[in-house]
N, C-alpha and C. Protein backbone atom coordinates (compact mmCIF):
# COMPACT_ATOMS: atom_id res chain seq x y z
N MET A 1 -40.28 84.26 35.87
CA MET A 1 -41.32 85.14 36.35
C MET A 1 -41.99 85.80 35.15
N SER A 2 -43.30 85.75 35.09
CA SER A 2 -44.03 86.40 34.02
C SER A 2 -44.16 87.88 34.34
N GLU A 3 -43.78 88.72 33.39
CA GLU A 3 -43.86 90.16 33.59
C GLU A 3 -45.28 90.65 33.33
N GLY A 4 -45.73 91.54 34.19
CA GLY A 4 -46.96 92.25 33.93
C GLY A 4 -48.26 91.57 34.32
N ARG A 5 -48.21 90.39 34.93
CA ARG A 5 -49.47 89.74 35.32
C ARG A 5 -50.08 90.50 36.49
N LYS A 6 -51.36 90.83 36.35
CA LYS A 6 -52.06 91.55 37.41
C LYS A 6 -52.75 90.55 38.33
N PRO A 7 -52.92 90.93 39.59
CA PRO A 7 -53.57 90.04 40.55
C PRO A 7 -55.01 89.72 40.16
N LEU A 8 -55.42 88.50 40.43
CA LEU A 8 -56.79 88.07 40.16
C LEU A 8 -57.74 88.65 41.20
N LYS A 9 -57.23 88.90 42.41
CA LYS A 9 -57.99 89.54 43.49
C LYS A 9 -57.11 90.65 44.06
N PRO A 10 -57.72 91.67 44.66
CA PRO A 10 -56.92 92.79 45.20
C PRO A 10 -55.97 92.37 46.32
N ASN A 11 -54.84 93.08 46.40
CA ASN A 11 -53.84 92.92 47.45
C ASN A 11 -53.65 94.24 48.17
N VAL A 12 -53.29 94.15 49.45
CA VAL A 12 -53.05 95.33 50.29
C VAL A 12 -51.61 95.28 50.78
N LEU A 13 -50.91 96.42 50.72
CA LEU A 13 -49.57 96.55 51.30
C LEU A 13 -49.66 97.45 52.52
N ILE A 14 -49.12 96.98 53.64
CA ILE A 14 -49.00 97.79 54.85
C ILE A 14 -47.52 98.02 55.07
N THR A 15 -47.12 99.29 55.03
CA THR A 15 -45.71 99.65 55.13
C THR A 15 -45.54 100.73 56.19
N GLY A 16 -44.32 100.99 56.55
CA GLY A 16 -44.01 102.01 57.55
C GLY A 16 -42.70 101.70 58.22
N THR A 17 -42.21 102.66 58.94
CA THR A 17 -40.98 102.50 59.70
C THR A 17 -41.11 101.33 60.68
N PRO A 18 -40.04 100.57 60.92
CA PRO A 18 -40.13 99.53 61.95
C PRO A 18 -40.66 100.12 63.26
N GLY A 19 -41.61 99.40 63.86
CA GLY A 19 -42.19 99.83 65.12
C GLY A 19 -43.53 100.55 64.99
N THR A 20 -43.99 100.78 63.76
CA THR A 20 -45.26 101.50 63.59
C THR A 20 -46.48 100.59 63.69
N GLY A 21 -46.27 99.27 63.72
CA GLY A 21 -47.39 98.36 63.92
C GLY A 21 -47.84 97.60 62.70
N LYS A 22 -46.97 97.46 61.72
CA LYS A 22 -47.34 96.80 60.46
C LYS A 22 -47.80 95.35 60.65
N THR A 23 -46.98 94.57 61.32
CA THR A 23 -47.29 93.15 61.48
C THR A 23 -48.53 92.95 62.35
N THR A 24 -48.62 93.68 63.43
CA THR A 24 -49.79 93.59 64.30
C THR A 24 -51.06 93.91 63.51
N LEU A 25 -51.03 94.99 62.76
CA LEU A 25 -52.19 95.40 61.96
C LEU A 25 -52.50 94.36 60.88
N ALA A 26 -51.48 93.91 60.17
CA ALA A 26 -51.70 92.95 59.07
C ALA A 26 -52.34 91.66 59.58
N LYS A 27 -51.93 91.20 60.76
CA LYS A 27 -52.53 89.99 61.33
C LYS A 27 -54.02 90.17 61.60
N VAL A 28 -54.38 91.31 62.16
CA VAL A 28 -55.79 91.59 62.44
C VAL A 28 -56.57 91.74 61.14
N VAL A 29 -56.01 92.46 60.18
CA VAL A 29 -56.67 92.64 58.89
C VAL A 29 -56.93 91.28 58.24
N ALA A 30 -55.95 90.40 58.28
CA ALA A 30 -56.12 89.06 57.70
C ALA A 30 -57.25 88.32 58.41
N GLU A 31 -57.28 88.44 59.71
CA GLU A 31 -58.30 87.75 60.51
C GLU A 31 -59.72 88.21 60.16
N VAL A 32 -59.92 89.52 60.00
CA VAL A 32 -61.27 90.04 59.79
C VAL A 32 -61.70 90.10 58.33
N THR A 33 -60.74 90.03 57.39
CA THR A 33 -61.09 90.16 55.98
C THR A 33 -60.99 88.86 55.19
N GLY A 34 -60.24 87.91 55.72
CA GLY A 34 -60.00 86.69 54.96
C GLY A 34 -58.79 86.79 54.03
N LEU A 35 -58.14 87.97 53.99
CA LEU A 35 -56.90 88.09 53.23
C LEU A 35 -55.83 87.22 53.88
N VAL A 36 -54.88 86.76 53.11
CA VAL A 36 -53.77 85.96 53.63
C VAL A 36 -52.61 86.89 53.96
N HIS A 37 -52.11 86.80 55.19
CA HIS A 37 -51.02 87.67 55.64
C HIS A 37 -49.67 87.14 55.16
N ILE A 38 -48.88 88.03 54.59
CA ILE A 38 -47.50 87.72 54.22
C ILE A 38 -46.58 88.73 54.91
N ASN A 39 -45.76 88.24 55.83
CA ASN A 39 -44.76 89.05 56.50
C ASN A 39 -43.46 88.86 55.71
N VAL A 40 -43.10 89.85 54.93
CA VAL A 40 -41.97 89.73 54.00
C VAL A 40 -40.67 89.44 54.75
N GLY A 41 -40.46 90.05 55.90
CA GLY A 41 -39.25 89.78 56.67
C GLY A 41 -39.13 88.31 57.03
N GLU A 42 -40.25 87.69 57.40
CA GLU A 42 -40.25 86.25 57.73
C GLU A 42 -40.01 85.41 56.48
N VAL A 43 -40.60 85.80 55.36
CA VAL A 43 -40.39 85.06 54.10
C VAL A 43 -38.91 85.07 53.74
N VAL A 44 -38.26 86.22 53.91
CA VAL A 44 -36.83 86.35 53.62
C VAL A 44 -36.04 85.37 54.49
N LYS A 45 -36.31 85.36 55.80
CA LYS A 45 -35.57 84.50 56.73
C LYS A 45 -35.87 83.02 56.49
N GLU A 46 -37.14 82.68 56.38
CA GLU A 46 -37.54 81.27 56.24
C GLU A 46 -37.02 80.62 54.96
N ASN A 47 -36.84 81.42 53.91
CA ASN A 47 -36.43 80.88 52.62
C ASN A 47 -34.98 81.17 52.26
N GLY A 48 -34.27 81.81 53.17
CA GLY A 48 -32.85 82.09 52.95
C GLY A 48 -32.59 83.09 51.85
N PHE A 49 -33.53 84.02 51.61
CA PHE A 49 -33.34 85.04 50.59
C PHE A 49 -32.50 86.18 51.16
N ILE A 50 -31.26 85.86 51.50
CA ILE A 50 -30.39 86.81 52.18
C ILE A 50 -29.11 86.99 51.37
N GLU A 51 -28.85 88.24 51.01
CA GLU A 51 -27.63 88.58 50.28
C GLU A 51 -26.49 88.87 51.22
N GLY A 52 -26.83 89.34 52.41
CA GLY A 52 -25.79 89.68 53.37
C GLY A 52 -26.40 90.25 54.63
N LYS A 53 -25.54 90.82 55.45
CA LYS A 53 -25.99 91.41 56.70
C LYS A 53 -25.35 92.79 56.86
N ASP A 54 -26.17 93.74 57.25
CA ASP A 54 -25.68 95.08 57.55
C ASP A 54 -25.34 95.08 59.04
N THR A 55 -24.05 94.93 59.34
CA THR A 55 -23.63 94.84 60.74
C THR A 55 -23.80 96.17 61.47
N GLU A 56 -23.71 97.27 60.75
CA GLU A 56 -23.86 98.59 61.37
C GLU A 56 -25.26 98.75 61.98
N PHE A 57 -26.29 98.24 61.27
CA PHE A 57 -27.66 98.38 61.76
C PHE A 57 -28.27 97.05 62.19
N ASP A 58 -27.46 96.01 62.25
CA ASP A 58 -27.92 94.69 62.68
C ASP A 58 -29.19 94.27 61.94
N SER A 59 -29.10 94.28 60.60
CA SER A 59 -30.25 93.90 59.79
C SER A 59 -29.79 93.08 58.59
N LEU A 60 -30.71 92.27 58.09
CA LEU A 60 -30.42 91.44 56.92
C LEU A 60 -30.60 92.24 55.64
N ILE A 61 -29.81 91.91 54.64
CA ILE A 61 -29.96 92.49 53.31
C ILE A 61 -30.59 91.41 52.45
N PRO A 62 -31.86 91.61 52.05
CA PRO A 62 -32.54 90.55 51.30
C PRO A 62 -32.05 90.42 49.86
N ASP A 63 -32.14 89.20 49.33
CA ASP A 63 -31.92 88.96 47.91
C ASP A 63 -33.26 89.30 47.24
N GLU A 64 -33.35 90.53 46.76
CA GLU A 64 -34.63 91.04 46.24
C GLU A 64 -35.13 90.26 45.03
N ASP A 65 -34.24 89.89 44.12
CA ASP A 65 -34.66 89.14 42.93
C ASP A 65 -35.26 87.80 43.32
N ALA A 66 -34.60 87.07 44.21
CA ALA A 66 -35.11 85.77 44.65
C ALA A 66 -36.44 85.94 45.38
N LEU A 67 -36.55 86.96 46.21
CA LEU A 67 -37.78 87.23 46.93
C LEU A 67 -38.93 87.52 45.98
N LEU A 68 -38.72 88.41 45.02
CA LEU A 68 -39.78 88.78 44.08
C LEU A 68 -40.18 87.59 43.20
N ASP A 69 -39.21 86.81 42.77
CA ASP A 69 -39.54 85.61 41.98
C ASP A 69 -40.39 84.65 42.80
N PHE A 70 -40.04 84.48 44.06
CA PHE A 70 -40.76 83.59 44.95
C PHE A 70 -42.21 84.06 45.18
N LEU A 71 -42.39 85.36 45.33
CA LEU A 71 -43.72 85.91 45.64
C LEU A 71 -44.62 86.10 44.42
N GLU A 72 -44.07 86.11 43.23
CA GLU A 72 -44.84 86.47 42.02
C GLU A 72 -46.16 85.71 41.90
N ASP A 73 -46.15 84.40 41.88
CA ASP A 73 -47.39 83.64 41.68
C ASP A 73 -48.37 83.86 42.82
N THR A 74 -47.86 83.95 44.03
CA THR A 74 -48.71 84.20 45.19
C THR A 74 -49.40 85.56 45.08
N MET A 75 -48.66 86.56 44.68
CA MET A 75 -49.22 87.90 44.58
C MET A 75 -50.20 88.01 43.41
N VAL A 76 -49.93 87.31 42.32
CA VAL A 76 -50.84 87.33 41.17
C VAL A 76 -52.15 86.62 41.53
N GLU A 77 -52.07 85.62 42.38
CA GLU A 77 -53.28 84.95 42.86
C GLU A 77 -54.18 85.97 43.57
N GLY A 78 -53.57 86.90 44.30
CA GLY A 78 -54.30 87.97 44.98
C GLY A 78 -54.86 87.54 46.32
N GLY A 79 -55.58 88.50 46.93
CA GLY A 79 -56.16 88.24 48.23
C GLY A 79 -55.15 88.23 49.37
N LYS A 80 -54.10 89.03 49.26
CA LYS A 80 -53.03 89.04 50.26
C LYS A 80 -52.95 90.40 50.95
N VAL A 81 -52.52 90.37 52.21
CA VAL A 81 -52.14 91.58 52.93
C VAL A 81 -50.67 91.39 53.30
N VAL A 82 -49.83 92.26 52.77
CA VAL A 82 -48.37 92.14 52.87
C VAL A 82 -47.86 93.22 53.81
N ASP A 83 -46.94 92.84 54.71
CA ASP A 83 -46.32 93.88 55.53
C ASP A 83 -44.81 93.86 55.36
N TYR A 84 -44.28 95.07 55.14
CA TYR A 84 -42.83 95.23 54.99
C TYR A 84 -42.50 96.71 55.16
N HIS A 85 -41.31 97.00 55.65
CA HIS A 85 -40.93 98.39 55.90
C HIS A 85 -40.62 99.18 54.63
N SER A 86 -40.33 98.48 53.54
CA SER A 86 -40.04 99.16 52.28
C SER A 86 -41.12 98.83 51.26
N SER A 87 -41.51 99.82 50.50
CA SER A 87 -42.55 99.57 49.48
C SER A 87 -42.00 99.64 48.07
N GLU A 88 -40.82 100.20 47.90
CA GLU A 88 -40.32 100.47 46.56
C GLU A 88 -39.82 99.24 45.81
N LEU A 89 -39.61 98.14 46.48
CA LEU A 89 -39.07 96.99 45.78
C LEU A 89 -40.13 96.17 45.04
N PHE A 90 -41.40 96.35 45.41
CA PHE A 90 -42.47 95.55 44.80
C PHE A 90 -42.99 96.18 43.52
N PRO A 91 -43.41 95.33 42.56
CA PRO A 91 -44.04 95.89 41.36
C PRO A 91 -45.34 96.62 41.71
N GLU A 92 -45.56 97.75 41.10
CA GLU A 92 -46.76 98.55 41.36
C GLU A 92 -48.03 97.74 41.12
N ARG A 93 -48.01 96.88 40.13
CA ARG A 93 -49.21 96.11 39.74
C ARG A 93 -49.68 95.15 40.83
N TRP A 94 -48.84 94.83 41.79
CA TRP A 94 -49.22 93.88 42.83
C TRP A 94 -50.25 94.43 43.81
N PHE A 95 -50.31 95.75 44.00
CA PHE A 95 -51.13 96.31 45.08
C PHE A 95 -52.18 97.28 44.57
N GLN A 96 -53.36 97.17 45.19
CA GLN A 96 -54.46 98.06 44.88
C GLN A 96 -54.75 99.02 46.03
N LEU A 97 -54.14 98.76 47.20
CA LEU A 97 -54.25 99.64 48.36
C LEU A 97 -52.91 99.59 49.09
N VAL A 98 -52.38 100.77 49.41
CA VAL A 98 -51.12 100.88 50.15
C VAL A 98 -51.37 101.75 51.38
N ILE A 99 -51.15 101.16 52.55
CA ILE A 99 -51.31 101.86 53.82
C ILE A 99 -49.92 102.14 54.38
N VAL A 100 -49.63 103.41 54.65
CA VAL A 100 -48.36 103.80 55.26
C VAL A 100 -48.65 104.20 56.70
N LEU A 101 -48.17 103.40 57.63
CA LEU A 101 -48.39 103.69 59.05
C LEU A 101 -47.38 104.71 59.54
N ARG A 102 -47.87 105.64 60.35
CA ARG A 102 -47.02 106.68 60.94
C ARG A 102 -47.24 106.70 62.44
N CYS A 103 -46.20 107.04 63.18
CA CYS A 103 -46.28 107.15 64.64
C CYS A 103 -45.69 108.47 65.10
N ASP A 104 -46.24 108.99 66.18
CA ASP A 104 -45.60 110.13 66.83
C ASP A 104 -44.27 109.64 67.38
N THR A 105 -43.26 110.51 67.37
CA THR A 105 -41.92 110.08 67.75
C THR A 105 -41.80 109.53 69.17
N PRO A 106 -42.49 110.09 70.18
CA PRO A 106 -42.36 109.48 71.52
C PRO A 106 -42.89 108.04 71.55
N VAL A 107 -43.97 107.79 70.84
CA VAL A 107 -44.56 106.45 70.79
C VAL A 107 -43.59 105.49 70.09
N LEU A 108 -43.07 105.92 68.95
CA LEU A 108 -42.15 105.07 68.20
C LEU A 108 -40.88 104.81 69.00
N PHE A 109 -40.34 105.84 69.63
CA PHE A 109 -39.14 105.69 70.44
C PHE A 109 -39.33 104.59 71.49
N ASP A 110 -40.44 104.65 72.21
CA ASP A 110 -40.70 103.65 73.25
C ASP A 110 -40.81 102.24 72.66
N ARG A 111 -41.43 102.12 71.51
CA ARG A 111 -41.57 100.80 70.86
C ARG A 111 -40.20 100.25 70.44
N LEU A 112 -39.35 101.12 69.92
CA LEU A 112 -38.02 100.68 69.47
C LEU A 112 -37.13 100.32 70.66
N VAL A 113 -37.26 101.05 71.76
CA VAL A 113 -36.53 100.71 72.98
C VAL A 113 -36.99 99.34 73.47
N ALA A 114 -38.30 99.10 73.46
CA ALA A 114 -38.85 97.82 73.91
C ALA A 114 -38.35 96.66 73.05
N ARG A 115 -38.05 96.93 71.80
CA ARG A 115 -37.50 95.89 70.91
C ARG A 115 -36.02 95.64 71.14
N GLY A 116 -35.39 96.50 71.90
CA GLY A 116 -33.96 96.33 72.18
C GLY A 116 -33.06 96.82 71.07
N TYR A 117 -33.54 97.73 70.24
CA TYR A 117 -32.71 98.27 69.16
C TYR A 117 -31.53 99.05 69.74
N SER A 118 -30.39 98.95 69.08
CA SER A 118 -29.22 99.73 69.49
C SER A 118 -29.53 101.22 69.30
N ASP A 119 -28.74 102.06 69.96
CA ASP A 119 -28.94 103.51 69.82
C ASP A 119 -28.88 103.93 68.35
N LYS A 120 -27.90 103.38 67.63
CA LYS A 120 -27.72 103.76 66.22
C LYS A 120 -28.91 103.31 65.37
N LYS A 121 -29.35 102.08 65.56
CA LYS A 121 -30.49 101.56 64.78
C LYS A 121 -31.77 102.32 65.15
N ARG A 122 -31.93 102.60 66.43
CA ARG A 122 -33.11 103.34 66.88
C ARG A 122 -33.11 104.74 66.27
N GLN A 123 -31.97 105.41 66.29
CA GLN A 123 -31.89 106.77 65.75
C GLN A 123 -32.15 106.78 64.25
N GLU A 124 -31.62 105.81 63.53
CA GLU A 124 -31.86 105.71 62.08
C GLU A 124 -33.36 105.58 61.78
N ASN A 125 -34.04 104.72 62.55
CA ASN A 125 -35.47 104.54 62.34
C ASN A 125 -36.27 105.77 62.76
N MET A 126 -35.86 106.43 63.83
CA MET A 126 -36.53 107.66 64.25
C MET A 126 -36.37 108.74 63.16
N ASP A 127 -35.16 108.88 62.63
CA ASP A 127 -34.93 109.86 61.57
C ASP A 127 -35.79 109.56 60.34
N CYS A 128 -35.88 108.28 59.98
CA CYS A 128 -36.71 107.89 58.83
C CYS A 128 -38.17 108.27 59.05
N GLU A 129 -38.65 108.08 60.27
CA GLU A 129 -40.05 108.43 60.58
C GLU A 129 -40.26 109.93 60.55
N ILE A 130 -39.33 110.67 61.13
CA ILE A 130 -39.45 112.14 61.17
C ILE A 130 -39.45 112.71 59.75
N ILE A 131 -38.56 112.21 58.92
CA ILE A 131 -38.44 112.70 57.54
C ILE A 131 -39.59 112.20 56.66
N GLY A 132 -40.17 111.06 57.01
CA GLY A 132 -41.26 110.50 56.22
C GLY A 132 -40.78 109.65 55.06
N VAL A 133 -39.69 108.92 55.27
CA VAL A 133 -39.09 108.12 54.20
C VAL A 133 -40.08 107.10 53.62
N CYS A 134 -40.78 106.37 54.47
CA CYS A 134 -41.69 105.32 53.98
C CYS A 134 -42.85 105.91 53.17
N LEU A 135 -43.38 107.04 53.62
CA LEU A 135 -44.45 107.70 52.86
C LEU A 135 -43.93 108.18 51.51
N GLU A 136 -42.76 108.79 51.52
CA GLU A 136 -42.16 109.28 50.27
C GLU A 136 -41.94 108.13 49.28
N GLU A 137 -41.40 107.01 49.78
CA GLU A 137 -41.19 105.82 48.93
C GLU A 137 -42.51 105.35 48.31
N ALA A 138 -43.53 105.27 49.13
CA ALA A 138 -44.83 104.78 48.65
C ALA A 138 -45.41 105.72 47.59
N LEU A 139 -45.32 107.01 47.84
CA LEU A 139 -45.86 107.98 46.89
C LEU A 139 -45.09 108.00 45.57
N GLU A 140 -43.80 107.66 45.64
CA GLU A 140 -42.99 107.59 44.42
C GLU A 140 -43.19 106.27 43.67
N SER A 141 -43.64 105.23 44.39
CA SER A 141 -43.73 103.89 43.81
C SER A 141 -45.12 103.50 43.33
N TYR A 142 -46.15 104.16 43.85
CA TYR A 142 -47.54 103.78 43.56
C TYR A 142 -48.36 105.01 43.21
N SER A 143 -49.47 104.78 42.55
CA SER A 143 -50.40 105.86 42.24
C SER A 143 -50.85 106.52 43.54
N LYS A 144 -50.83 107.83 43.56
CA LYS A 144 -51.15 108.58 44.79
C LYS A 144 -52.56 108.27 45.30
N ASP A 145 -53.47 107.88 44.42
CA ASP A 145 -54.84 107.64 44.87
C ASP A 145 -55.01 106.32 45.63
N ILE A 146 -53.98 105.45 45.63
CA ILE A 146 -54.10 104.21 46.41
C ILE A 146 -53.25 104.24 47.68
N VAL A 147 -52.47 105.31 47.87
CA VAL A 147 -51.58 105.42 49.04
C VAL A 147 -52.29 106.24 50.12
N HIS A 148 -52.38 105.66 51.32
CA HIS A 148 -53.05 106.33 52.43
C HIS A 148 -52.14 106.33 53.66
N GLU A 149 -51.85 107.52 54.15
CA GLU A 149 -51.05 107.70 55.37
C GLU A 149 -51.99 107.65 56.57
N MET A 150 -51.66 106.80 57.57
CA MET A 150 -52.54 106.66 58.72
C MET A 150 -51.74 106.60 60.02
N LYS A 151 -52.22 107.31 61.02
CA LYS A 151 -51.59 107.31 62.34
C LYS A 151 -51.81 105.96 63.03
N SER A 152 -50.76 105.49 63.70
CA SER A 152 -50.81 104.19 64.37
C SER A 152 -50.17 104.28 65.75
N ASN A 153 -50.71 105.20 66.56
CA ASN A 153 -50.17 105.42 67.90
C ASN A 153 -50.83 104.55 68.96
N THR A 154 -52.11 104.26 68.76
CA THR A 154 -52.90 103.61 69.82
C THR A 154 -53.67 102.42 69.26
N VAL A 155 -54.22 101.63 70.16
CA VAL A 155 -55.09 100.52 69.77
C VAL A 155 -56.31 101.06 69.02
N GLU A 156 -56.81 102.21 69.47
CA GLU A 156 -57.96 102.83 68.79
C GLU A 156 -57.61 103.22 67.36
N ASP A 157 -56.40 103.74 67.15
CA ASP A 157 -55.94 104.06 65.79
C ASP A 157 -55.95 102.80 64.94
N GLN A 158 -55.40 101.72 65.48
CA GLN A 158 -55.33 100.45 64.74
C GLN A 158 -56.74 99.94 64.42
N ASP A 159 -57.65 100.03 65.39
CA ASP A 159 -59.03 99.59 65.15
C ASP A 159 -59.68 100.38 64.02
N GLU A 160 -59.43 101.68 63.99
CA GLU A 160 -59.98 102.53 62.93
C GLU A 160 -59.41 102.15 61.57
N ILE A 161 -58.13 101.87 61.53
CA ILE A 161 -57.49 101.46 60.27
C ILE A 161 -58.07 100.13 59.80
N VAL A 162 -58.24 99.20 60.72
CA VAL A 162 -58.83 97.89 60.37
C VAL A 162 -60.22 98.10 59.77
N GLU A 163 -61.03 98.95 60.39
CA GLU A 163 -62.38 99.21 59.87
C GLU A 163 -62.33 99.77 58.45
N LYS A 164 -61.41 100.69 58.21
CA LYS A 164 -61.28 101.30 56.88
C LYS A 164 -60.84 100.26 55.84
N ILE A 165 -59.88 99.42 56.21
CA ILE A 165 -59.42 98.38 55.27
C ILE A 165 -60.53 97.36 55.04
N GLN A 166 -61.24 97.02 56.09
CA GLN A 166 -62.35 96.07 55.96
C GLN A 166 -63.42 96.63 55.01
N ALA A 167 -63.76 97.91 55.14
CA ALA A 167 -64.74 98.54 54.24
C ALA A 167 -64.21 98.54 52.81
N TRP A 168 -62.93 98.84 52.63
CA TRP A 168 -62.33 98.83 51.30
C TRP A 168 -62.42 97.43 50.69
N CYS A 169 -62.12 96.43 51.51
CA CYS A 169 -62.18 95.03 51.03
C CYS A 169 -63.59 94.68 50.56
N LEU A 170 -64.59 95.05 51.34
CA LEU A 170 -65.98 94.76 50.96
C LEU A 170 -66.35 95.46 49.65
N GLN A 171 -65.89 96.70 49.49
CA GLN A 171 -66.15 97.45 48.25
C GLN A 171 -65.45 96.81 47.05
N ASN A 172 -64.39 96.05 47.31
CA ASN A 172 -63.61 95.45 46.24
C ASN A 172 -63.81 93.94 46.14
N GLY A 173 -64.92 93.46 46.68
CA GLY A 173 -65.30 92.06 46.50
C GLY A 173 -64.57 91.06 47.38
N ILE A 174 -63.96 91.53 48.46
CA ILE A 174 -63.26 90.63 49.38
C ILE A 174 -64.08 90.54 50.65
N SER A 175 -64.53 89.34 50.97
CA SER A 175 -65.25 89.16 52.23
C SER A 175 -64.75 87.88 52.89
N PRO A 176 -64.81 87.86 54.23
CA PRO A 176 -64.28 86.71 54.97
C PRO A 176 -65.07 85.42 54.68
């Protein structure tokens, strides 16, 4: 992996607590902007970048080094919209816009119940959202001027976020 290579075209990271709408939003953003969607959780599963499993929270522990090595050339190429619940593992140079999705707790609770999360996993994710873990990670990992916290409770919220990302893309030379 070459250290320090900057993307040839801008990349967008969409992050947030599970259930805030990252994948749904990233798919729509890709559709309207021409950015290529990368769902990091799927990349981990499809390529076997798994170090282990957290049985307490029924989640995979990714092999971060293998994942980052795999994504390096793709991210340097640019023009990607990436969705993942954690932002701190990626190199800062990969992203020029970071969107942190937030949900009101009743909305998030219902989404996590619909996913069939265990009580323990649901509570852990609710606590992370209440405390603002994903926002804090993003603000610690990236320049504050590229990190934007956005509500993602409704379809209208998602539409507004898509419009803002689309406008940002046009300002940064990305068009469908």
